[in-house]
Amino acid sequence: MSSLFSVSIFVASITAAMTVNALSSNVQNLRNLEDRRIATVTNSISAAFLTANRLVVANYASPDEIFKAFEAGVAGAVIFDGPIFAYD
């Protein structure tokens, strides 16, 4: 029983590490976003930053619309203020 428990913890640790690595290695810098349609909120600091860096931006009225576009595959990335996302 203890060996089964040990193997389960080992597999869970490897799976967690691989997931974190896959998520964090997806976008490392702005160049990784050049060929993606980026969803953000209209007239936000994020929208101004993306436009200034000549990235393809899809503007939406609210954070909820951003996530709907991302989940539907319309947007390839989401960029907006972290504290606002965390508050929701």
PDB file of N, CA and C in Angstrom:
ATOM      1  N   MET A   1       0.820  -1.181   0.000  1.00  0.00           N
ATOM      2  CA  MET A   1       0.000   0.000   0.000  1.00  0.00           C
ATOM      3  C   MET A   1       0.871   1.255   0.000  1.00  0.00           C
ATOM      4  N   SER A   2       1.949   1.240   0.788  1.00  0.00           N
ATOM      5  CA  SER A   2       2.824   2.411   0.844  1.00  0.00           C
ATOM      6  C   SER A   2       3.562   2.628  -0.473  1.00  0.00           C
ATOM      7  N   SER A   3       3.900   1.552  -1.172  1.00  0.00           N
ATOM      8  CA  SER A   3       4.563   1.720  -2.469  1.00  0.00           C
ATOM      9  C   SER A   3       3.600   2.309  -3.498  1.00  0.00           C
ATOM     10  N   LEU A   4       2.336   1.929  -3.453  1.00  0.00           N
ATOM     11  CA  LEU A   4       1.330   2.511  -4.339  1.00  0.00           C
ATOM     12  C   LEU A   4       1.189   4.004  -4.064  1.00  0.00           C
ATOM     13  N   PHE A   5       1.184   4.367  -2.799  1.00  0.00           N
ATOM     14  CA  PHE A   5       1.114   5.767  -2.402  1.00  0.00           C
ATOM     15  C   PHE A   5       2.333   6.535  -2.917  1.00  0.00           C
ATOM     16  N   SER A   6       3.517   5.956  -2.778  1.00  0.00           N
ATOM     17  CA  SER A   6       4.754   6.595  -3.231  1.00  0.00           C
ATOM     18  C   SER A   6       4.761   6.796  -4.741  1.00  0.00           C
ATOM     19  N   VAL A   7       4.336   5.779  -5.471  1.00  0.00           N
ATOM     20  CA  VAL A   7       4.281   5.885  -6.931  1.00  0.00           C
ATOM     21  C   VAL A   7       3.274   6.954  -7.349  1.00  0.00           C
ATOM     22  N   SER A   8       2.142   7.029  -6.671  1.00  0.00           N
ATOM     23  CA  SER A   8       1.128   8.041  -6.981  1.00  0.00           C
ATOM     24  C   SER A   8       1.670   9.454  -6.794  1.00  0.00           C
ATOM     25  N   ILE A   9       2.399   9.658  -5.702  1.00  0.00           N
ATOM     26  CA  ILE A   9       2.998  10.974  -5.451  1.00  0.00           C
ATOM     27  C   ILE A   9       4.044  11.290  -6.512  1.00  0.00           C
ATOM     28  N   PHE A  10       4.839  10.316  -6.887  1.00  0.00           N
ATOM     29  CA  PHE A  10       5.868  10.505  -7.912  1.00  0.00           C
ATOM     30  C   PHE A  10       5.236  10.892  -9.249  1.00  0.00           C
ATOM     31  N   VAL A  11       4.216  10.173  -9.657  1.00  0.00           N
ATOM     32  CA  VAL A  11       3.544  10.457 -10.931  1.00  0.00           C
ATOM     33  C   VAL A  11       2.878  11.827 -10.887  1.00  0.00           C
ATOM     34  N   ALA A  12       2.252  12.167  -9.784  1.00  0.00           N
ATOM     35  CA  ALA A  12       1.611  13.478  -9.651  1.00  0.00           C
ATOM     36  C   ALA A  12       2.636  14.608  -9.743  1.00  0.00           C
ATOM     37  N   SER A  13       3.785  14.417  -9.155  1.00  0.00           N
ATOM     38  CA  SER A  13       4.842  15.436  -9.200  1.00  0.00           C
ATOM     39  C   SER A  13       5.343  15.645 -10.623  1.00  0.00           C
ATOM     40  N   ILE A  14       5.557  14.573 -11.334  1.00  0.00           N
ATOM     41  CA  ILE A  14       6.019  14.665 -12.724  1.00  0.00           C
ATOM     42  C   ILE A  14       4.961  15.337 -13.588  1.00  0.00           C
ATOM     43  N   THR A  15       3.708  14.951 -13.425  1.00  0.00           N
ATOM     44  CA  THR A  15       2.623  15.546 -14.206  1.00  0.00           C
ATOM     45  C   THR A  15       2.508  17.040 -13.936  1.00  0.00           C
ATOM     46  N   ALA A  16       2.584  17.443 -12.689  1.00  0.00           N
ATOM     47  CA  ALA A  16       2.502  18.857 -12.340  1.00  0.00           C
ATOM     48  C   ALA A  16       3.662  19.642 -12.944  1.00  0.00           C
ATOM     49  N   ALA A  17       4.854  19.101 -12.868  1.00  0.00           N
ATOM     50  CA  ALA A  17       6.026  19.777 -13.428  1.00  0.00           C
ATOM     51  C   ALA A  17       5.908  19.929 -14.940  1.00  0.00           C
ATOM     52  N   MET A  18       5.429  18.900 -15.616  1.00  0.00           N
ATOM     53  CA  MET A  18       5.270  18.965 -17.068  1.00  0.00           C
ATOM     54  C   MET A  18       4.200  19.985 -17.461  1.00  0.00           C
ATOM     55  N   THR A  19       3.119  20.060 -16.702  1.00  0.00           N
ATOM     56  CA  THR A  19       2.052  21.015 -16.993  1.00  0.00           C
ATOM     57  C   THR A  19       2.537  22.442 -16.821  1.00  0.00           C
ATOM     58  N   VAL A  20       3.218  22.724 -15.729  1.00  0.00           N
ATOM     59  CA  VAL A  20       3.755  24.062 -15.491  1.00  0.00           C
ATOM     60  C   VAL A  20       4.740  24.437 -16.585  1.00  0.00           C
ATOM     61  N   ASN A  21       5.591  23.518 -16.968  1.00  0.00           N
ATOM     62  CA  ASN A  21       6.568  23.779 -18.024  1.00  0.00           C
ATOM     63  C   ASN A  21       5.881  24.084 -19.347  1.00  0.00           C
ATOM     64  N   ALA A  22       4.849  23.325 -19.701  1.00  0.00           N
ATOM     65  CA  ALA A  22       4.133  23.551 -20.957  1.00  0.00           C
ATOM     66  C   ALA A  22       3.436  24.901 -20.952  1.00  0.00           C
ATOM     67  N   LEU A  23       2.841  25.271 -19.852  1.00  0.00           N
ATOM     68  CA  LEU A  23       2.134  26.546 -19.781  1.00  0.00           C
ATOM     69  C   LEU A  23       3.091  27.725 -19.786  1.00  0.00           C
ATOM     70  N   SER A  24       4.175  27.643 -19.075  1.00  0.00           N
ATOM     71  CA  SER A  24       5.091  28.771 -18.987  1.00  0.00           C
ATOM     72  C   SER A  24       5.983  28.903 -20.218  1.00  0.00           C
ATOM     73  N   SER A  25       6.192  27.850 -20.947  1.00  0.00           N
ATOM     74  CA  SER A  25       7.066  27.938 -22.121  1.00  0.00           C
ATOM     75  C   SER A  25       6.309  28.383 -23.362  1.00  0.00           C
ATOM     76  N   ASN A  26       5.009  28.522 -23.272  1.00  0.00           N
ATOM     77  CA  ASN A  26       4.197  28.891 -24.421  1.00  0.00           C
ATOM     78  C   ASN A  26       4.510  30.302 -24.901  1.00  0.00           C
ATOM     79  N   VAL A  27       4.571  31.279 -24.015  1.00  0.00           N
ATOM     80  CA  VAL A  27       4.868  32.664 -24.370  1.00  0.00           C
ATOM     81  C   VAL A  27       5.984  33.160 -23.460  1.00  0.00           C
ATOM     82  N   GLN A  28       7.112  33.461 -24.047  1.00  0.00           N
ATOM     83  CA  GLN A  28       8.264  33.940 -23.290  1.00  0.00           C
ATOM     84  C   GLN A  28       8.515  35.434 -23.500  1.00  0.00           C
ATOM     85  N   ASN A  29       8.143  35.953 -24.679  1.00  0.00           N
ATOM     86  CA  ASN A  29       8.370  37.364 -24.972  1.00  0.00           C
ATOM     87  C   ASN A  29       7.388  37.822 -26.050  1.00  0.00           C
ATOM     88  N   LEU A  30       7.471  39.089 -26.416  1.00  0.00           N
ATOM     89  CA  LEU A  30       6.516  39.637 -27.385  1.00  0.00           C
ATOM     90  C   LEU A  30       6.599  38.969 -28.758  1.00  0.00           C
ATOM     91  N   ARG A  31       7.767  38.504 -29.134  1.00  0.00           N
ATOM     92  CA  ARG A  31       7.903  37.839 -30.440  1.00  0.00           C
ATOM     93  C   ARG A  31       7.046  36.581 -30.530  1.00  0.00           C
ATOM     94  N   ASN A  32       6.795  35.933 -29.399  1.00  0.00           N
ATOM     95  CA  ASN A  32       5.939  34.754 -29.399  1.00  0.00           C
ATOM     96  C   ASN A  32       4.491  35.096 -29.693  1.00  0.00           C
ATOM     97  N   LEU A  33       4.147  36.369 -29.604  1.00  0.00           N
ATOM     98  CA  LEU A  33       2.768  36.805 -29.848  1.00  0.00           C
ATOM     99  C   LEU A  33       2.541  37.363 -31.248  1.00  0.00           C
ATOM    100  N   GLU A  34       3.595  37.489 -32.047  1.00  0.00           N
ATOM    101  CA  GLU A  34       3.491  38.145 -33.344  1.00  0.00           C
ATOM    102  C   GLU A  34       2.502  37.488 -34.298  1.00  0.00           C
ATOM    103  N   ASP A  35       2.358  36.190 -34.245  1.00  0.00           N
ATOM    104  CA  ASP A  35       1.469  35.515 -35.186  1.00  0.00           C
ATOM    105  C   ASP A  35       0.157  35.077 -34.527  1.00  0.00           C
ATOM    106  N   ARG A  36      -0.203  35.714 -33.433  1.00  0.00           N
ATOM    107  CA  ARG A  36      -1.447  35.390 -32.731  1.00  0.00           C
ATOM    108  C   ARG A  36      -2.365  36.605 -32.701  1.00  0.00           C
ATOM    109  N   ARG A  37      -3.642  36.344 -32.698  1.00  0.00           N
ATOM    110  CA  ARG A  37      -4.634  37.394 -32.482  1.00  0.00           C
ATOM    111  C   ARG A  37      -4.818  37.499 -30.972  1.00  0.00           C
ATOM    112  N   ILE A  38      -4.539  38.676 -30.417  1.00  0.00           N
ATOM    113  CA  ILE A  38      -4.522  38.864 -28.967  1.00  0.00           C
ATOM    114  C   ILE A  38      -5.794  39.582 -28.521  1.00  0.00           C
ATOM    115  N   ALA A  39      -6.506  38.987 -27.603  1.00  0.00           N
ATOM    116  CA  ALA A  39      -7.727  39.583 -27.063  1.00  0.00           C
ATOM    117  C   ALA A  39      -7.390  40.451 -25.861  1.00  0.00           C
ATOM    118  N   THR A  40      -7.963  41.648 -25.836  1.00  0.00           N
ATOM    119  CA  THR A  40      -7.806  42.553 -24.699  1.00  0.00           C
ATOM    120  C   THR A  40      -9.036  43.443 -24.612  1.00  0.00           C
ATOM    121  N   VAL A  41      -9.110  44.258 -23.571  1.00  0.00           N
ATOM    122  CA  VAL A  41     -10.253  45.147 -23.383  1.00  0.00           C
ATOM    123  C   VAL A  41      -9.995  46.481 -24.083  1.00  0.00           C
ATOM    124  N   THR A  42     -11.002  46.966 -24.777  1.00  0.00           N
ATOM    125  CA  THR A  42     -10.920  48.230 -25.508  1.00  0.00           C
ATOM    126  C   THR A  42     -10.502  49.368 -24.584  1.00  0.00           C
ATOM    127  N   ASN A  43      -9.643  50.240 -25.096  1.00  0.00           N
ATOM    128  CA  ASN A  43      -9.184  51.449 -24.394  1.00  0.00           C
ATOM    129  C   ASN A  43      -8.490  51.156 -23.060  1.00  0.00           C
ATOM    130  N   SER A  44      -7.850  50.023 -22.946  1.00  0.00           N
ATOM    131  CA  SER A  44      -7.105  49.695 -21.726  1.00  0.00           C
ATOM    132  C   SER A  44      -5.617  49.965 -21.940  1.00  0.00           C
ATOM    133  N   ILE A  45      -4.882  49.939 -20.854  1.00  0.00           N
ATOM    134  CA  ILE A  45      -3.419  50.078 -20.937  1.00  0.00           C
ATOM    135  C   ILE A  45      -2.848  48.932 -21.768  1.00  0.00           C
ATOM    136  N   SER A  46      -3.404  47.739 -21.603  1.00  0.00           N
ATOM    137  CA  SER A  46      -2.948  46.578 -22.365  1.00  0.00           C
ATOM    138  C   SER A  46      -3.140  46.791 -23.858  1.00  0.00           C
ATOM    139  N   ALA A  47      -4.291  47.330 -24.246  1.00  0.00           N
ATOM    140  CA  ALA A  47      -4.566  47.585 -25.665  1.00  0.00           C
ATOM    141  C   ALA A  47      -3.576  48.596 -26.230  1.00  0.00           C
ATOM    142  N   ALA A  48      -3.288  49.657 -25.480  1.00  0.00           N
ATOM    143  CA  ALA A  48      -2.326  50.665 -25.935  1.00  0.00           C
ATOM    144  C   ALA A  48      -0.934  50.061 -26.079  1.00  0.00           C
ATOM    145  N   PHE A  49      -0.525  49.231 -25.117  1.00  0.00           N
ATOM    146  CA  PHE A  49       0.787  48.587 -25.169  1.00  0.00           C
ATOM    147  C   PHE A  49       0.906  47.668 -26.389  1.00  0.00           C
ATOM    148  N   LEU A  50      -0.115  46.857 -26.623  1.00  0.00           N
ATOM    149  CA  LEU A  50      -0.081  45.922 -27.747  1.00  0.00           C
ATOM    150  C   LEU A  50      -0.061  46.655 -29.082  1.00  0.00           C
ATOM    151  N   THR A  51      -0.875  47.698 -29.187  1.00  0.00           N
ATOM    152  CA  THR A  51      -0.914  48.484 -30.423  1.00  0.00           C
ATOM    153  C   THR A  51       0.423  49.180 -30.664  1.00  0.00           C
ATOM    154  N   ALA A  52       1.026  49.717 -29.605  1.00  0.00           N
ATOM    155  CA  ALA A  52       2.326  50.382 -29.732  1.00  0.00           C
ATOM    156  C   ALA A  52       3.408  49.413 -30.188  1.00  0.00           C
ATOM    157  N   ASN A  53       3.248  48.145 -29.858  1.00  0.00           N
ATOM    158  CA  ASN A  53       4.220  47.127 -30.261  1.00  0.00           C
ATOM    159  C   ASN A  53       3.817  46.419 -31.546  1.00  0.00           C
ATOM    160  N   ARG A  54       2.845  46.982 -32.247  1.00  0.00           N
ATOM    161  CA  ARG A  54       2.393  46.510 -33.570  1.00  0.00           C
ATOM    162  C   ARG A  54       1.958  45.049 -33.580  1.00  0.00           C
ATOM    163  N   LEU A  55       1.224  44.651 -32.537  1.00  0.00           N
ATOM    164  CA  LEU A  55       0.691  43.299 -32.476  1.00  0.00           C
ATOM    165  C   LEU A  55      -0.774  43.320 -32.891  1.00  0.00           C
ATOM    166  N   VAL A  56      -1.264  42.204 -33.389  1.00  0.00           N
ATOM    167  CA  VAL A  56      -2.649  42.109 -33.840  1.00  0.00           C
ATOM    168  C   VAL A  56      -3.550  42.012 -32.619  1.00  0.00           C
ATOM    169  N   VAL A  57      -4.411  43.009 -32.449  1.00  0.00           N
ATOM    170  CA  VAL A  57      -5.249  43.094 -31.264  1.00  0.00           C
ATOM    171  C   VAL A  57      -6.714  42.958 -31.641  1.00  0.00           C
ATOM    172  N   ALA A  58      -7.434  42.178 -30.855  1.00  0.00           N
ATOM    173  CA  ALA A  58      -8.890  42.083 -30.963  1.00  0.00           C
ATOM    174  C   ALA A  58      -9.447  42.694 -29.688  1.00  0.00           C
ATOM    175  N   ASN A  59     -10.127  43.824 -29.820  1.00  0.00           N
ATOM    176  CA  ASN A  59     -10.648  44.535 -28.663  1.00  0.00           C
ATOM    177  C   ASN A  59     -12.040  44.047 -28.289  1.00  0.00           C
ATOM    178  N   TYR A  60     -12.257  43.869 -27.001  1.00  0.00           N
ATOM    179  CA  TYR A  60     -13.549  43.428 -26.472  1.00  0.00           C
ATOM    180  C   TYR A  60     -13.976  44.366 -25.358  1.00  0.00           C
ATOM    181  N   ALA A  61     -15.266  44.367 -25.043  1.00  0.00           N
ATOM    182  CA  ALA A  61     -15.824  45.294 -24.057  1.00  0.00           C
ATOM    183  C   ALA A  61     -15.536  44.885 -22.617  1.00  0.00           C
ATOM    184  N   SER A  62     -15.331  43.598 -22.359  1.00  0.00           N
ATOM    185  CA  SER A  62     -15.152  43.149 -20.971  1.00  0.00           C
ATOM    186  C   SER A  62     -14.225  41.938 -20.905  1.00  0.00           C
ATOM    187  N   PRO A  63     -13.679  41.662 -19.717  1.00  0.00           N
ATOM    188  CA  PRO A  63     -12.856  40.464 -19.554  1.00  0.00           C
ATOM    189  C   PRO A  63     -13.620  39.173 -19.861  1.00  0.00           C
ATOM    190  N   ASP A  64     -14.915  39.139 -19.562  1.00  0.00           N
ATOM    191  CA  ASP A  64     -15.712  37.944 -19.876  1.00  0.00           C
ATOM    192  C   ASP A  64     -15.713  37.656 -21.374  1.00  0.00           C
ATOM    193  N   GLU A  65     -15.830  38.700 -22.179  1.00  0.00           N
ATOM    194  CA  GLU A  65     -15.815  38.524 -23.635  1.00  0.00           C
ATOM    195  C   GLU A  65     -14.450  38.056 -24.127  1.00  0.00           C
ATOM    196  N   ILE A  66     -13.397  38.492 -23.455  1.00  0.00           N
ATOM    197  CA  ILE A  66     -12.040  38.058 -23.810  1.00  0.00           C
ATOM    198  C   ILE A  66     -11.925  36.540 -23.682  1.00  0.00           C
ATOM    199  N   PHE A  67     -12.364  36.019 -22.546  1.00  0.00           N
ATOM    200  CA  PHE A  67     -12.252  34.583 -22.309  1.00  0.00           C
ATOM    201  C   PHE A  67     -13.150  33.780 -23.237  1.00  0.00           C
ATOM    202  N   LYS A  68     -14.319  34.302 -23.556  1.00  0.00           N
ATOM    203  CA  LYS A  68     -15.208  33.611 -24.496  1.00  0.00           C
ATOM    204  C   LYS A  68     -14.543  33.512 -25.864  1.00  0.00           C
ATOM    205  N   ALA A  69     -13.889  34.588 -26.307  1.00  0.00           N
ATOM    206  CA  ALA A  69     -13.194  34.584 -27.598  1.00  0.00           C
ATOM    207  C   ALA A  69     -12.037  33.595 -27.588  1.00  0.00           C
ATOM    208  N   PHE A  70     -11.305  33.547 -26.481  1.00  0.00           N
ATOM    209  CA  PHE A  70     -10.182  32.619 -26.375  1.00  0.00           C
ATOM    210  C   PHE A  70     -10.669  31.170 -26.392  1.00  0.00           C
ATOM    211  N   GLU A  71     -11.704  30.886 -25.618  1.00  0.00           N
ATOM    212  CA  GLU A  71     -12.238  29.528 -25.564  1.00  0.00           C
ATOM    213  C   GLU A  71     -12.822  29.095 -26.906  1.00  0.00           C
ATOM    214  N   ALA A  72     -13.376  30.053 -27.661  1.00  0.00           N
ATOM    215  CA  ALA A  72     -13.946  29.738 -28.973  1.00  0.00           C
ATOM    216  C   ALA A  72     -12.876  29.613 -30.054  1.00  0.00           C
ATOM    217  N   GLY A  73     -11.645  29.974 -29.723  1.00  0.00           N
ATOM    218  CA  GLY A  73     -10.565  29.881 -30.697  1.00  0.00           C
ATOM    219  C   GLY A  73     -10.436  31.100 -31.583  1.00  0.00           C
ATOM    220  N   VAL A  74     -11.205  32.148 -31.301  1.00  0.00           N
ATOM    221  CA  VAL A  74     -11.137  33.384 -32.079  1.00  0.00           C
ATOM    222  C   VAL A  74      -9.851  34.141 -31.761  1.00  0.00           C
ATOM    223  N   ALA A  75      -9.424  34.084 -30.504  1.00  0.00           N
ATOM    224  CA  ALA A  75      -8.196  34.741 -30.064  1.00  0.00           C
ATOM    225  C   ALA A  75      -7.168  33.681 -29.688  1.00  0.00           C
ATOM    226  N   GLY A  76      -5.915  33.954 -30.008  1.00  0.00           N
ATOM    227  CA  GLY A  76      -4.847  33.010 -29.699  1.00  0.00           C
ATOM    228  C   GLY A  76      -4.133  33.305 -28.396  1.00  0.00           C
ATOM    229  N   ALA A  77      -4.429  34.465 -27.804  1.00  0.00           N
ATOM    230  CA  ALA A  77      -3.819  34.852 -26.535  1.00  0.00           C
ATOM    231  C   ALA A  77      -4.714  35.884 -25.856  1.00  0.00           C
ATOM    232  N   VAL A  78      -4.556  36.008 -24.555  1.00  0.00           N
ATOM    233  CA  VAL A  78      -5.309  36.982 -23.768  1.00  0.00           C
ATOM    234  C   VAL A  78      -4.310  37.810 -22.980  1.00  0.00           C
ATOM    235  N   ILE A  79      -4.417  39.133 -23.096  1.00  0.00           N
ATOM    236  CA  ILE A  79      -3.557  40.008 -22.312  1.00  0.00           C
ATOM    237  C   ILE A  79      -4.434  41.101 -21.709  1.00  0.00           C
ATOM    238  N   PHE A  80      -4.352  41.216 -20.397  1.00  0.00           N
ATOM    239  CA  PHE A  80      -5.079  42.248 -19.673  1.00  0.00           C
ATOM    240  C   PHE A  80      -4.461  42.363 -18.291  1.00  0.00           C
ATOM    241  N   ASP A  81      -4.972  43.251 -17.469  1.00  0.00           N
ATOM    242  CA  ASP A  81      -4.415  43.501 -16.145  1.00  0.00           C
ATOM    243  C   ASP A  81      -4.638  42.323 -15.209  1.00  0.00           C
ATOM    244  N   GLY A  82      -3.549  41.767 -14.688  1.00  0.00           N
ATOM    245  CA  GLY A  82      -3.614  40.623 -13.783  1.00  0.00           C
ATOM    246  C   GLY A  82      -4.467  40.836 -12.549  1.00  0.00           C
ATOM    247  N   PRO A  83      -4.346  41.977 -11.862  1.00  0.00           N
ATOM    248  CA  PRO A  83      -5.172  42.176 -10.672  1.00  0.00           C
ATOM    249  C   PRO A  83      -6.672  42.138 -10.957  1.00  0.00           C
ATOM    250  N   ILE A  84      -7.075  42.637 -12.104  1.00  0.00           N
ATOM    251  CA  ILE A  84      -8.502  42.606 -12.450  1.00  0.00           C
ATOM    252  C   ILE A  84      -8.949  41.170 -12.692  1.00  0.00           C
ATOM    253  N   PHE A  85      -8.116  40.369 -13.366  1.00  0.00           N
ATOM    254  CA  PHE A  85      -8.464  38.957 -13.558  1.00  0.00           C
ATOM    255  C   PHE A  85      -8.515  38.229 -12.212  1.00  0.00           C
ATOM    256  N   ALA A  86      -7.578  38.534 -11.336  1.00  0.00           N
ATOM    257  CA  ALA A  86      -7.526  37.855 -10.040  1.00  0.00           C
ATOM    258  C   ALA A  86      -8.713  38.217  -9.162  1.00  0.00           C
ATOM    259  N   TYR A  87      -9.223  39.431  -9.308  1.00  0.00           N
ATOM    260  CA  TYR A  87     -10.350  39.891  -8.498  1.00  0.00           C
ATOM    261  C   TYR A  87     -11.617  39.135  -8.851  1.00  0.00           C
ATOM    262  N   ASP A  88     -11.773  38.841 -10.108  1.00  0.00           N
ATOM    263  CA  ASP A  88     -12.975  38.166 -10.590  1.00  0.00           C
ATOM    264  C   ASP A  88     -12.989  36.787 -10.032  1.00  0.00           C
TER     265      ASP A  88
END
